[in-house]
Amino acid sequence: MSGDVYIIGTGMTRFGKHLDRSIKSLTGEALDLVLADCGLARADIEAAWFSNTFWGYYSSQHSIRGQVALSAAGLEEIPIINVENACGSGATALHSAWMSVKAGLYDCVLAIGVEKLYDPDRAKVMMSFIAGTDLEVTSQMLVRFQEEEKKRNARGAEEKPGGHSAAMDLYSIAARIHMKKFGTTQKQFAVIASKAHNNSVLNPLAQYNFPMTVEEVLADREISYPLTRAMCAPIGDGAAAAVICSERFLRRSASPGRAARVRASVLRSGKNLDQDTLLSIMLEPSGHAAKTVASNIGARTSKAAYEMAGLGPEDLDLAEVHDASAYGELSQTEQMGFCPVGEGGLFAESGATALGGKMPVNPSGGLIARGHPLGASGLAQIHELILQLRGDAGARQVKGARIALAENGGGIIGIGEASMAIHILEKA
């Protein structure tokens, strides 16, 4: 293998509702931004990994999405690899690009993620997220779960105004398991969401730029108990990118001091459960199966990342984690080793994850408030960490940031993530 691998540039469009923009347009903007950030030209890029999840679903553009989008942006003829791994697609693209440089195949490559999720057909949008699960199993489970919910509590089983994705039902089940097992409260989830919204006010590229108090989060419309709307990531459009290079390429760079060394890049997959166990967990979140069966993909992946980096959670200065819901952030702070399992709610409530806290988490606003265009989310995390390590994050800057972690999960299998990628970066 070659020497160290570096991220030399990042770029990100503003996330939001871009009905007047196309995938090609967003791709071109992100490409221009990342190349300008590191002072390179298209001719310097030797290969590219293009991350996208739903362009085919929404517009029937399957199979060669990267070639179509990047050629329109003036990047073609080089190897272009299409990456699809649900919400974890962006970090998977980065991991794949990292591997190519680490193996010595290339000196300078691109990882770019783009997504457009807004569509006039909201029902289609909400149902699309079930594709990030075992469709056959999840469809059956949700039907049976909703039938049982109707029997127990008619109000809880009704479709809420505007609808919501099936993924939020699955997150709410996991949240209720945590509440029953560890005494976690709905208010603690609200603390996490409030922090995300307040951080996003400081991020000009975030989808949401308004603050929210804990009380406002709790009072927002219920999506799937205990999750309110403000605790859930919105759909959105946007793009983000990173340029990855070898050590020898970095030495030729005009500004090596703006780079970050990739101390670890790890990708793992989750583990499925049989249908009876899944149904038992969904119908009885406080039952025996829920208490004894746990998804440990986060613990497994972070352990491998820490070992590769030669570091531990105590060495990190900040983290961006996959908070598709407030429960997601709580769970990942435990799985990343920032606090003991079962104490994620208390950890957040103590202020430890806030700006200025012991371990700032999601200073960008996270998926909850920065936004979650699926194929771009993992690379948006990297964009935030690079800004932080350079000292360029403005009012949300974490003082003295030198080492940072990004965790990007993708889809749901069993009761955990179907895929997970973790990157640990160090200021060069």
Protein backbone atom coordinates (compact mmCIF):
# COMPACT_ATOMS: atom_id res chain seq x y z
CA MET A 1 0.00 0.00 0.00
CA SER A 2 1.03 3.61 -0.51
CA GLY A 3 1.49 6.18 2.23
CA ASP A 4 -1.04 8.38 3.96
CA VAL A 5 -4.19 9.57 2.21
CA TYR A 6 -5.51 13.11 2.49
CA ILE A 7 -8.66 15.10 1.83
CA ILE A 8 -7.39 18.18 0.07
CA GLY A 9 -10.65 19.93 -0.79
CA THR A 10 -14.38 19.93 -0.14
CA GLY A 11 -17.39 21.72 -1.55
CA MET A 12 -21.09 21.81 -0.75
CA THR A 13 -24.16 23.49 -2.18
CA ARG A 14 -26.75 24.89 0.14
CA PHE A 15 -29.19 22.15 1.11
CA GLY A 16 -32.88 22.87 0.73
CA LYS A 17 -35.83 22.80 -1.62
CA HIS A 18 -34.47 23.35 -5.13
CA LEU A 19 -37.42 22.65 -7.41
CA ASP A 20 -35.82 24.71 -10.18
CA ARG A 21 -32.52 22.79 -10.09
CA SER A 22 -31.58 19.50 -11.72
CA ILE A 23 -29.19 16.76 -10.62
CA LYS A 24 -26.85 17.92 -13.38
CA SER A 25 -26.98 21.51 -12.13
CA LEU A 26 -26.28 20.59 -8.52
CA THR A 27 -23.47 18.26 -9.59
CA GLY A 28 -21.83 21.02 -11.60
CA GLU A 29 -22.01 23.47 -8.71
CA ALA A 30 -20.50 21.04 -6.21
CA LEU A 31 -17.75 20.09 -8.65
CA ASP A 32 -16.84 23.73 -9.25
CA LEU A 33 -16.82 24.41 -5.51
CA VAL A 34 -14.57 21.49 -4.58
CA LEU A 35 -12.08 22.20 -7.37
CA ALA A 36 -11.92 25.89 -6.44
CA ASP A 37 -11.38 24.93 -2.79
CA CYS A 38 -8.21 22.98 -3.59
CA GLY A 39 -7.07 24.96 -6.63
CA LEU A 40 -7.31 22.07 -9.08
CA ALA A 41 -8.69 21.63 -12.58
CA ARG A 42 -10.89 18.89 -13.96
CA ALA A 43 -7.83 17.44 -15.69
CA ASP A 44 -6.26 16.72 -12.28
CA ILE A 45 -9.02 14.25 -11.33
CA GLU A 46 -8.04 10.68 -12.26
CA ALA A 47 -11.23 8.87 -11.19
CA ALA A 48 -14.57 9.70 -9.59
CA TRP A 49 -17.11 8.00 -7.34
CA PHE A 50 -20.63 9.34 -7.80
CA SER A 51 -23.10 8.85 -4.94
CA ASN A 52 -26.84 8.97 -5.53
CA THR A 53 -29.82 6.97 -4.29
CA PHE A 54 -33.10 8.08 -5.87
CA TRP A 55 -32.46 9.67 -9.27
CA GLY A 56 -33.57 6.43 -10.86
CA TYR A 57 -36.63 6.15 -8.63
CA TYR A 58 -37.84 9.69 -9.32
CA SER A 59 -36.76 10.23 -12.94
CA SER A 60 -35.90 6.75 -14.33
CA GLN A 61 -32.24 7.75 -14.73
CA HIS A 62 -30.71 4.42 -13.73
CA SER A 63 -27.44 2.62 -14.38
CA ILE A 64 -25.07 5.41 -15.51
CA ARG A 65 -26.07 8.27 -13.25
CA GLY A 66 -22.50 9.40 -12.56
CA GLN A 67 -21.50 9.43 -16.21
CA VAL A 68 -24.61 11.43 -17.12
CA ALA A 69 -24.27 14.00 -14.32
CA LEU A 70 -20.49 14.46 -14.46
CA SER A 71 -20.23 14.63 -18.24
CA ALA A 72 -22.72 17.49 -18.13
CA ALA A 73 -20.33 19.17 -15.69
CA GLY A 74 -17.33 18.67 -17.97
CA LEU A 75 -15.80 15.66 -16.24
CA GLU A 76 -15.68 12.59 -18.48
CA GLU A 77 -13.50 9.86 -20.01
CA ILE A 78 -11.99 8.98 -16.62
CA PRO A 79 -13.24 6.00 -14.58
CA ILE A 80 -16.60 6.95 -13.01
CA ILE A 81 -18.03 4.53 -10.46
CA ASN A 82 -21.67 4.73 -9.37
CA VAL A 83 -22.32 4.23 -5.65
CA GLU A 84 -25.67 3.48 -4.03
CA ASN A 85 -25.86 2.57 -0.35
CA ALA A 86 -29.01 4.31 0.90
CA CYS A 87 -28.33 7.19 3.33
CA GLY A 88 -24.71 6.00 3.62
CA SER A 89 -23.95 6.43 -0.07
CA GLY A 90 -21.79 9.55 0.32
CA ALA A 91 -19.46 8.04 2.92
CA THR A 92 -19.34 4.80 0.93
CA ALA A 93 -18.17 6.78 -2.10
CA LEU A 94 -15.51 8.42 0.04
CA HIS A 95 -14.37 5.08 1.46
CA SER A 96 -14.11 3.63 -2.05
CA ALA A 97 -12.16 6.62 -3.30
CA TRP A 98 -9.86 6.37 -0.26
CA MET A 99 -9.21 2.70 -1.00
CA SER A 100 -8.14 3.48 -4.55
CA VAL A 101 -5.58 6.03 -3.40
CA LYS A 102 -4.43 3.91 -0.46
CA ALA A 103 -3.83 1.02 -2.86
CA GLY A 104 -1.68 3.26 -5.04
CA LEU A 105 -3.93 3.13 -8.12
CA TYR A 106 -4.47 6.89 -8.28
CA ASP A 107 -3.00 10.07 -6.82
CA CYS A 108 -6.03 12.37 -7.02
CA VAL A 109 -9.70 11.31 -7.10
CA LEU A 110 -13.17 12.70 -6.49
CA ALA A 111 -16.06 11.58 -4.30
CA ILE A 112 -19.26 13.47 -5.04
CA GLY A 113 -22.82 12.93 -3.79
CA VAL A 114 -25.98 14.49 -5.20
CA GLU A 115 -29.68 14.08 -4.41
CA LYS A 116 -33.05 15.63 -5.23
CA LEU A 117 -35.84 14.42 -2.98
CA TYR A 118 -38.52 17.08 -3.35
CA ASP A 119 -41.33 15.99 -5.66
CA PRO A 120 -44.95 17.13 -6.10
CA ASP A 121 -46.07 13.58 -5.25
CA ARG A 122 -45.43 13.60 -1.49
CA ALA A 123 -46.80 10.08 -1.00
CA LYS A 124 -44.20 8.77 -3.46
CA VAL A 125 -41.49 10.66 -1.60
CA MET A 126 -42.44 9.21 1.77
CA MET A 127 -42.76 5.66 0.46
CA SER A 128 -39.39 5.84 -1.28
CA PHE A 129 -37.54 5.52 2.01
CA ILE A 130 -38.77 1.98 2.55
CA ALA A 131 -36.36 1.02 -0.26
CA GLY A 132 -33.57 1.41 2.29
CA THR A 133 -34.83 -1.64 4.18
CA ASP A 134 -35.51 -5.31 3.45
CA LEU A 135 -38.61 -4.43 1.42
CA GLU A 136 -40.32 -7.80 1.64
CA VAL A 137 -39.94 -8.04 5.41
CA THR A 138 -40.57 -4.39 6.21
CA SER A 139 -43.77 -4.18 4.18
CA GLN A 140 -45.22 -7.14 6.07
CA MET A 141 -43.99 -5.88 9.41
CA LEU A 142 -45.40 -2.39 9.00
CA VAL A 143 -48.83 -3.69 7.96
CA ARG A 144 -49.01 -5.93 11.00
CA PHE A 145 -47.57 -3.24 13.26
CA GLN A 146 -50.17 -0.70 12.09
CA GLU A 147 -52.97 -3.22 12.58
CA GLU A 148 -51.88 -3.81 16.17
CA GLU A 149 -51.53 -0.09 16.77
CA LYS A 150 -55.10 0.46 15.60
CA LYS A 151 -56.35 -2.10 18.07
CA ARG A 152 -54.44 -0.56 20.96
CA ASN A 153 -54.70 3.10 20.19
CA ALA A 154 -56.68 4.34 17.19
CA ARG A 155 -55.11 7.78 17.39
CA GLY A 156 -51.59 6.43 17.28
CA ALA A 157 -52.29 4.44 14.13
CA GLU A 158 -53.81 7.23 12.08
CA GLU A 159 -51.81 8.83 9.33
CA LYS A 160 -50.54 12.17 10.56
CA PRO A 161 -51.17 15.26 8.39
CA GLY A 162 -48.69 15.37 5.53
CA GLY A 163 -47.53 11.77 6.05
CA HIS A 164 -44.11 10.52 7.03
CA SER A 165 -41.60 7.95 5.88
CA ALA A 166 -41.70 4.38 7.12
CA ALA A 167 -38.15 4.92 8.38
CA MET A 168 -39.51 7.19 11.14
CA ASP A 169 -41.78 4.40 12.36
CA LEU A 170 -38.71 2.17 12.62
CA TYR A 171 -36.74 4.89 14.42
CA SER A 172 -39.61 5.43 16.84
CA ILE A 173 -39.66 1.73 17.69
CA ALA A 174 -35.93 1.82 18.45
CA ALA A 175 -36.44 4.97 20.53
CA ARG A 176 -39.19 3.34 22.58
CA ILE A 177 -36.99 0.32 23.21
CA HIS A 178 -34.30 2.66 24.54
CA MET A 179 -36.81 4.50 26.72
CA LYS A 180 -38.14 1.26 28.23
CA LYS A 181 -34.72 -0.25 28.78
CA PHE A 182 -32.77 2.77 30.07
CA GLY A 183 -35.32 5.35 31.19
CA THR A 184 -34.52 7.75 28.35
CA THR A 185 -37.09 10.55 28.10
CA GLN A 186 -38.79 12.34 25.23
CA LYS A 187 -37.35 15.57 26.60
CA GLN A 188 -33.83 14.23 26.07
CA PHE A 189 -34.62 13.63 22.40
CA ALA A 190 -35.92 17.22 22.30
CA VAL A 191 -32.63 18.49 23.77
CA ILE A 192 -30.77 16.84 20.87
CA ALA A 193 -33.11 18.29 18.24
CA SER A 194 -33.04 21.75 19.79
CA LYS A 195 -29.22 21.71 19.70
CA ALA A 196 -29.29 20.73 16.03
CA HIS A 197 -31.62 23.58 15.08
CA ASN A 198 -29.66 26.10 17.12
CA ASN A 199 -26.37 25.00 15.52
CA SER A 200 -27.86 25.26 12.04
CA VAL A 201 -28.56 28.97 12.58
CA LEU A 202 -24.76 29.37 12.42
CA ASN A 203 -24.43 27.39 9.17
CA PRO A 204 -25.27 29.39 6.02
CA LEU A 205 -25.46 26.20 3.93
CA ALA A 206 -28.01 24.50 6.20
CA GLN A 207 -31.54 23.79 5.03
CA TYR A 208 -33.01 25.27 8.22
CA ASN A 209 -31.73 28.48 9.76
CA PHE A 210 -34.14 29.00 12.64
CA PRO A 211 -33.57 28.21 16.33
CA MET A 212 -35.88 26.00 18.40
CA THR A 213 -36.23 25.63 22.14
CA VAL A 214 -36.70 22.27 23.81
CA GLU A 215 -40.31 23.22 24.51
CA GLU A 216 -40.93 24.11 20.85
CA VAL A 217 -39.50 20.77 19.73
CA LEU A 218 -41.78 18.90 22.14
CA ALA A 219 -44.82 20.92 21.03
CA ASP A 220 -44.24 20.24 17.32
CA ARG A 221 -46.51 17.84 15.44
CA GLU A 222 -46.07 14.21 16.43
CA ILE A 223 -44.69 12.02 13.66
CA SER A 224 -44.40 8.66 15.41
CA TYR A 225 -44.14 8.67 19.21
CA PRO A 226 -41.83 9.75 20.77
CA LEU A 227 -40.60 11.62 17.68
CA THR A 228 -42.00 15.01 16.77
CA ARG A 229 -41.41 16.64 13.41
CA ALA A 230 -38.57 18.77 14.75
CA MET A 231 -36.76 15.59 15.86
CA CYS A 232 -36.72 14.16 12.32
CA ALA A 233 -34.50 15.01 9.37
CA PRO A 234 -36.34 16.66 6.46
CA ILE A 235 -36.17 15.61 2.84
CA GLY A 236 -34.01 17.94 0.76
CA ASP A 237 -31.97 18.62 -2.35
CA GLY A 238 -28.25 19.29 -2.56
CA ALA A 239 -24.74 18.13 -3.38
CA ALA A 240 -21.38 17.78 -1.64
CA ALA A 241 -17.94 16.63 -2.75
CA ALA A 242 -14.41 15.90 -1.61
CA VAL A 243 -11.07 15.52 -3.39
CA ILE A 244 -8.85 12.76 -2.01
CA CYS A 245 -5.15 12.55 -2.78
CA SER A 246 -1.94 10.71 -2.01
CA GLU A 247 0.92 12.06 0.07
CA ARG A 248 3.09 12.60 -2.97
CA PHE A 249 0.32 14.58 -4.68
CA LEU A 250 -0.16 16.64 -1.51
CA ARG A 251 3.52 17.61 -1.51
CA ARG A 252 2.97 19.19 -4.93
CA SER A 253 -0.12 21.05 -3.71
CA ALA A 254 -0.10 24.81 -3.37
CA SER A 255 -1.73 24.69 0.08
CA PRO A 256 -0.97 21.42 1.93
CA GLY A 257 -1.82 23.09 5.25
CA ARG A 258 -5.51 23.04 4.32
CA ALA A 259 -5.58 19.25 4.00
CA ALA A 260 -6.68 16.63 6.51
CA ARG A 261 -5.09 13.21 6.90
CA VAL A 262 -7.48 10.27 6.81
CA ARG A 263 -6.49 8.37 9.94
CA ALA A 264 -9.23 5.77 9.40
CA SER A 265 -11.79 4.80 6.79
CA VAL A 266 -13.97 1.81 7.67
CA LEU A 267 -17.14 0.37 6.08
CA ARG A 268 -19.27 -2.36 7.66
CA SER A 269 -22.71 -3.94 7.12
CA GLY A 270 -25.50 -4.76 9.53
CA LYS A 271 -27.15 -8.07 10.39
CA ASN A 272 -30.71 -9.08 9.67
CA LEU A 273 -33.15 -10.76 12.08
CA ASP A 274 -35.78 -13.37 11.44
CA GLN A 275 -39.32 -12.14 10.86
CA ASP A 276 -40.76 -13.47 14.13
CA THR A 277 -38.11 -11.69 16.19
CA LEU A 278 -38.64 -8.44 14.28
CA LEU A 279 -42.39 -8.62 14.77
CA SER A 280 -41.96 -9.33 18.47
CA ILE A 281 -39.76 -6.26 18.83
CA MET A 282 -42.14 -4.03 16.86
CA LEU A 283 -45.21 -5.07 18.83
CA GLU A 284 -43.54 -5.30 22.24
CA PRO A 285 -40.70 -2.73 22.44
CA SER A 286 -40.35 -3.49 26.16
CA GLY A 287 -40.45 -7.26 25.69
CA HIS A 288 -37.76 -9.90 26.05
CA ALA A 289 -36.66 -9.88 22.41
CA ALA A 290 -36.14 -6.12 22.40
CA LYS A 291 -34.08 -6.31 25.57
CA THR A 292 -31.84 -9.12 24.40
CA VAL A 293 -31.36 -8.37 20.70
CA ALA A 294 -29.26 -5.37 19.78
CA SER A 295 -27.63 -4.07 16.61
CA ASN A 296 -23.95 -3.54 17.30
CA ILE A 297 -22.86 -2.27 13.90
CA GLY A 298 -21.94 1.09 15.44
CA ALA A 299 -19.78 -0.46 18.13
CA ARG A 300 -18.15 -2.84 15.63
CA THR A 301 -17.44 -0.14 13.07
CA SER A 302 -16.13 2.43 15.56
CA LYS A 303 -13.88 -0.18 17.19
CA ALA A 304 -12.33 -0.96 13.81
CA ALA A 305 -11.94 2.74 13.03
CA TYR A 306 -10.28 3.51 16.35
CA GLU A 307 -7.91 0.59 15.89
CA MET A 308 -6.98 1.73 12.38
CA ALA A 309 -6.42 5.29 13.58
CA GLY A 310 -4.53 4.28 16.72
CA LEU A 311 -6.88 6.53 18.67
CA GLY A 312 -9.82 6.33 21.04
CA PRO A 313 -13.00 8.35 21.50
CA GLU A 314 -11.22 10.39 24.17
CA ASP A 315 -8.87 11.74 21.46
CA LEU A 316 -11.62 13.28 19.35
CA ASP A 317 -12.41 16.99 19.38
CA LEU A 318 -15.78 16.77 17.60
CA ALA A 319 -18.00 14.48 15.54
CA GLU A 320 -20.66 14.51 12.86
CA VAL A 321 -22.99 11.52 13.24
CA HIS A 322 -26.00 10.24 11.33
CA ASP A 323 -28.99 11.84 13.08
CA ALA A 324 -31.84 11.02 10.71
CA SER A 325 -33.79 11.33 13.95
CA ALA A 326 -32.88 12.61 17.40
CA TYR A 327 -32.78 8.99 18.52
CA GLY A 328 -30.14 8.37 15.84
CA GLU A 329 -27.76 10.89 17.40
CA LEU A 330 -28.40 9.56 20.90
CA SER A 331 -27.69 6.01 19.80
CA GLN A 332 -24.53 6.91 17.93
CA THR A 333 -23.01 8.87 20.81
CA GLU A 334 -23.24 5.60 22.74
CA GLN A 335 -22.04 3.36 19.90
CA MET A 336 -19.09 5.66 19.13
CA GLY A 337 -18.00 5.37 22.75
CA PHE A 338 -18.60 9.00 23.73
CA CYS A 339 -20.64 7.82 26.71
CA PRO A 340 -21.74 4.46 28.15
CA VAL A 341 -24.58 2.59 26.47
CA GLY A 342 -27.85 3.70 28.01
CA GLU A 343 -26.57 7.14 28.98
CA GLY A 344 -26.91 8.94 25.65
CA GLY A 345 -29.92 10.92 26.84
CA LEU A 346 -28.19 12.05 30.01
CA PHE A 347 -25.05 12.86 28.01
CA ALA A 348 -26.98 15.17 25.69
CA GLU A 349 -28.97 16.72 28.54
CA SER A 350 -25.73 17.57 30.36
CA GLY A 351 -24.66 19.82 27.47
CA ALA A 352 -21.69 17.59 26.60
CA THR A 353 -22.63 17.43 22.89
CA ALA A 354 -23.32 21.15 22.47
CA LEU A 355 -20.87 23.68 21.07
CA GLY A 356 -18.43 24.31 23.90
CA GLY A 357 -19.26 20.94 25.47
CA LYS A 358 -17.03 17.98 26.20
CA MET A 359 -17.75 16.38 22.81
CA PRO A 360 -19.49 18.66 20.30
CA VAL A 361 -21.70 16.56 18.03
CA ASN A 362 -23.16 17.81 14.74
CA PRO A 363 -22.04 21.45 14.93
CA SER A 364 -23.31 21.77 11.34
CA GLY A 365 -26.88 21.17 12.50
CA GLY A 366 -26.73 17.53 11.45
CA LEU A 367 -29.23 15.81 9.22
CA ILE A 368 -32.03 17.17 11.42
CA ALA A 369 -31.36 20.80 10.50
CA ARG A 370 -28.52 20.98 7.97
CA GLY A 371 -30.63 18.66 5.84
CA HIS A 372 -30.49 15.15 4.44
CA PRO A 373 -30.23 14.80 0.63
CA LEU A 374 -29.33 11.14 0.98
CA GLY A 375 -26.50 10.76 -1.52
CA ALA A 376 -24.84 13.97 -0.33
CA SER A 377 -25.20 13.65 3.46
CA GLY A 378 -22.03 11.67 4.19
CA LEU A 379 -19.91 14.10 2.19
CA ALA A 380 -21.61 17.08 3.82
CA GLN A 381 -20.36 15.69 7.14
CA ILE A 382 -16.83 15.67 5.71
CA HIS A 383 -17.24 19.24 4.46
CA GLU A 384 -18.12 20.34 7.99
CA LEU A 385 -15.19 18.51 9.56
CA ILE A 386 -12.71 19.96 7.07
CA LEU A 387 -13.97 23.48 7.85
CA GLN A 388 -13.61 22.76 11.55
CA LEU A 389 -10.07 21.35 11.22
CA ARG A 390 -9.03 24.37 9.15
CA GLY A 391 -10.53 26.76 11.72
CA ASP A 392 -12.92 28.10 9.08
CA ALA A 393 -16.28 27.21 10.67
CA GLY A 394 -17.08 30.73 11.83
CA ALA A 395 -19.44 31.14 14.77
CA ARG A 396 -19.82 27.38 15.19
CA GLN A 397 -16.06 26.75 15.31
CA VAL A 398 -14.94 24.13 17.83
CA LYS A 399 -11.91 25.62 19.55
CA GLY A 400 -8.64 23.81 18.90
CA ALA A 401 -10.17 21.15 16.66
CA ARG A 402 -7.50 18.73 15.43
CA ILE A 403 -9.13 15.28 15.26
CA ALA A 404 -12.70 14.60 14.14
CA LEU A 405 -14.99 11.67 13.35
CA ALA A 406 -17.77 11.28 10.80
CA GLU A 407 -20.29 8.42 11.06
CA ASN A 408 -22.72 7.88 8.18
CA GLY A 409 -25.30 5.10 8.34
CA GLY A 410 -27.27 3.72 5.42
CA GLY A 411 -30.67 2.05 5.43
CA ILE A 412 -32.08 -0.29 8.05
CA ILE A 413 -31.73 -4.04 8.32
CA GLY A 414 -32.88 -5.94 11.38
CA ILE A 415 -33.08 -3.20 14.01
CA GLY A 416 -29.94 -1.33 12.99
CA GLU A 417 -28.18 0.25 10.04
CA ALA A 418 -27.71 -1.80 6.88
CA SER A 419 -24.38 -0.09 6.24
CA MET A 420 -22.10 2.22 8.16
CA ALA A 421 -18.95 4.10 7.25
CA ILE A 422 -16.72 5.90 9.75
CA HIS A 423 -13.92 8.30 8.88
CA ILE A 424 -11.47 9.78 11.35
CA LEU A 425 -9.66 12.88 10.12
CA GLU A 426 -6.66 14.75 11.52
CA LYS A 427 -5.53 18.27 10.76
CA ALA A 428 -2.47 18.02 8.52
